[in-house]
Protein backbone atom coordinates (compact mmCIF):
# COMPACT_ATOMS: atom_id res chain seq x y z
CA UNK A 1 98.84 110.90 84.03
CA UNK A 2 101.65 111.75 86.42
CA UNK A 3 105.18 111.48 84.99
CA UNK A 4 108.24 111.24 87.31
CA UNK A 5 111.86 111.69 86.25
CA UNK A 6 114.60 111.02 88.65
CA UNK A 7 118.23 112.13 88.41
CA UNK A 8 121.31 112.44 90.52
CA UNK A 9 122.39 108.82 91.09
CA UNK A 10 126.04 107.63 90.73
CA UNK A 11 128.92 105.83 92.12
CA UNK A 12 130.39 107.21 95.42
CA UNK A 13 132.54 106.08 98.32
CA UNK A 14 131.24 105.40 101.75
CA UNK A 15 130.75 108.66 103.67
CA UNK A 16 130.04 110.65 100.45
CA UNK A 17 127.05 112.62 99.66
CA UNK A 18 124.51 112.53 96.76
CA UNK A 19 121.33 114.50 96.15
CA UNK A 20 118.58 112.87 94.09
CA UNK A 21 115.94 114.97 92.27
CA UNK A 22 112.49 113.97 90.94
CA UNK A 23 110.62 116.22 88.62
CA UNK A 24 106.80 115.64 88.47
CA UNK A 25 104.38 116.68 85.73
CA UNK A 26 100.82 115.91 84.73
CA UNK A 27 99.05 116.76 88.00
CA UNK A 28 99.03 119.61 90.39
CA UNK A 29 102.21 118.97 92.43
CA UNK A 30 100.84 120.18 95.65
CA UNK A 31 98.14 117.64 95.61
CA UNK A 32 100.52 114.73 95.57
CA UNK A 33 102.34 112.90 98.34
CA UNK A 34 105.88 112.33 97.18
CA UNK A 35 108.33 109.70 98.30
CA UNK A 36 111.44 107.67 97.63
CA UNK A 37 111.86 103.93 97.49
CA UNK A 38 114.81 101.76 96.75
CA UNK A 39 115.23 98.22 95.52
CA UNK A 40 118.18 95.72 95.22
CA UNK A 41 118.21 92.62 93.15
CA UNK A 42 116.02 89.78 94.64
CA UNK A 43 114.44 92.11 97.23
CA UNK A 44 111.24 93.94 97.41
CA UNK A 45 111.04 97.69 96.97
CA UNK A 46 111.47 99.34 100.41
CA UNK A 47 110.46 102.65 101.70
CA UNK A 48 113.17 105.33 102.20
CA UNK A 49 111.32 108.67 102.81
CA UNK A 50 108.19 110.58 102.02
CA UNK A 51 106.85 114.07 102.25
CA UNK A 52 103.27 115.38 102.42
CA UNK A 53 102.21 118.99 101.92
CA UNK A 54 98.97 120.22 103.36
CA UNK A 55 97.87 123.50 105.08
CA UNK A 56 101.02 125.08 104.16
CA UNK A 57 103.23 122.67 106.05
CA UNK A 58 105.33 119.68 105.29
CA UNK A 59 105.33 116.29 107.13
CA UNK A 60 108.15 114.00 106.50
CA UNK A 61 108.65 110.25 107.11
CA UNK A 62 111.84 108.21 107.15
CA UNK A 63 112.89 104.64 107.23
CA UNK A 64 114.85 103.82 110.40
CA UNK A 65 117.90 102.92 108.34
CA UNK A 66 118.21 106.43 106.95
CA UNK A 67 117.09 108.59 109.82
CA UNK A 68 119.63 111.28 110.55
CA UNK A 69 121.39 110.84 107.15
CA UNK A 70 118.78 111.31 104.49
CA UNK A 71 116.54 114.53 104.12
CA UNK A 72 113.57 114.66 101.86
CA UNK A 73 112.25 118.00 100.67
CA UNK A 74 109.99 119.40 98.03
CA UNK A 75 109.91 122.58 95.95
CA UNK A 76 106.28 123.16 94.87
CA UNK A 77 107.35 126.05 92.66
CA UNK A 78 109.62 123.64 90.66
CA UNK A 79 107.39 120.56 91.04
CA UNK A 80 110.46 118.71 92.25
CA UNK A 81 111.18 116.48 95.29
CA UNK A 82 114.72 115.95 96.51
CA UNK A 83 116.46 113.27 98.50
CA UNK A 84 119.68 114.58 100.24
CA UNK A 85 121.77 111.55 101.17
CA UNK A 86 124.65 112.17 103.50
CA UNK A 87 127.07 109.65 105.07
CA UNK A 88 126.29 107.08 102.41
CA UNK A 89 126.97 103.50 103.32
CA UNK A 90 127.48 100.50 101.12
CA UNK A 91 124.12 99.23 102.41
CA UNK A 92 122.48 102.17 100.65
CA UNK A 93 123.41 100.77 97.26
CA UNK A 94 120.15 100.29 95.29
CA UNK A 95 118.08 101.59 92.52
CA UNK A 96 116.17 104.57 93.93
CA UNK A 97 112.61 105.29 92.64
CA UNK A 98 110.65 108.43 93.01
CA UNK A 99 107.00 107.72 93.89
CA UNK A 100 103.81 109.78 94.04
CA UNK A 101 100.40 109.07 95.55
CA UNK A 102 97.21 111.06 95.12
CA UNK A 103 96.32 110.17 98.69
CA UNK A 104 97.26 112.59 101.55
CA UNK A 105 97.99 109.72 103.73
CA UNK A 106 101.62 108.88 104.59
CA UNK A 107 103.39 107.26 101.64
CA UNK A 108 105.41 104.63 103.49
CA UNK A 109 104.58 101.48 101.57
CA UNK A 110 105.24 100.77 97.94
CA UNK A 111 101.74 99.46 97.56
CA UNK A 112 100.34 102.90 98.29
CA UNK A 113 102.13 104.57 95.44
CA UNK A 114 100.14 105.49 92.32
CA UNK A 115 103.08 106.52 90.12
CA UNK A 116 106.75 105.59 89.69
CA UNK A 117 109.76 107.01 88.11
CA UNK A 118 112.16 104.95 86.07
CA UNK A 119 114.74 104.72 88.87
CA UNK A 120 118.31 105.94 89.30
CA UNK A 121 121.25 103.85 90.40
CA UNK A 122 123.16 104.63 93.63
CA UNK A 123 126.21 102.60 94.25
CA UNK A 124 128.19 103.10 97.42
CA UNK A 125 131.69 101.46 97.59
CA UNK A 126 133.38 100.54 100.80
């Protein structure tokens, strides 16, 4: 089945930048809807961003809390999805999970994801 491996997390200060990467394998990458979710202790996994690819075009979706700061992109040649995180805030601190769905519908709910990565920790200090 699909395997997802995240990387790029770390400890940064507020206002700093990180770029997360997620490498996918096991399925044709172009057939997958890819996304990023995050989770903090005691809370449900929440949507961050997702990207679909169809007809040669990308469609992106973002949570209101990250619009204008985060950018999701995918490189079909490398089977990799990225999350560029600018102007990080302490509220962004969480474990970030790469997600993939076989459906071409927008991946904006955790329940819609078919596959998950192991997660990568992002900590933003104030």
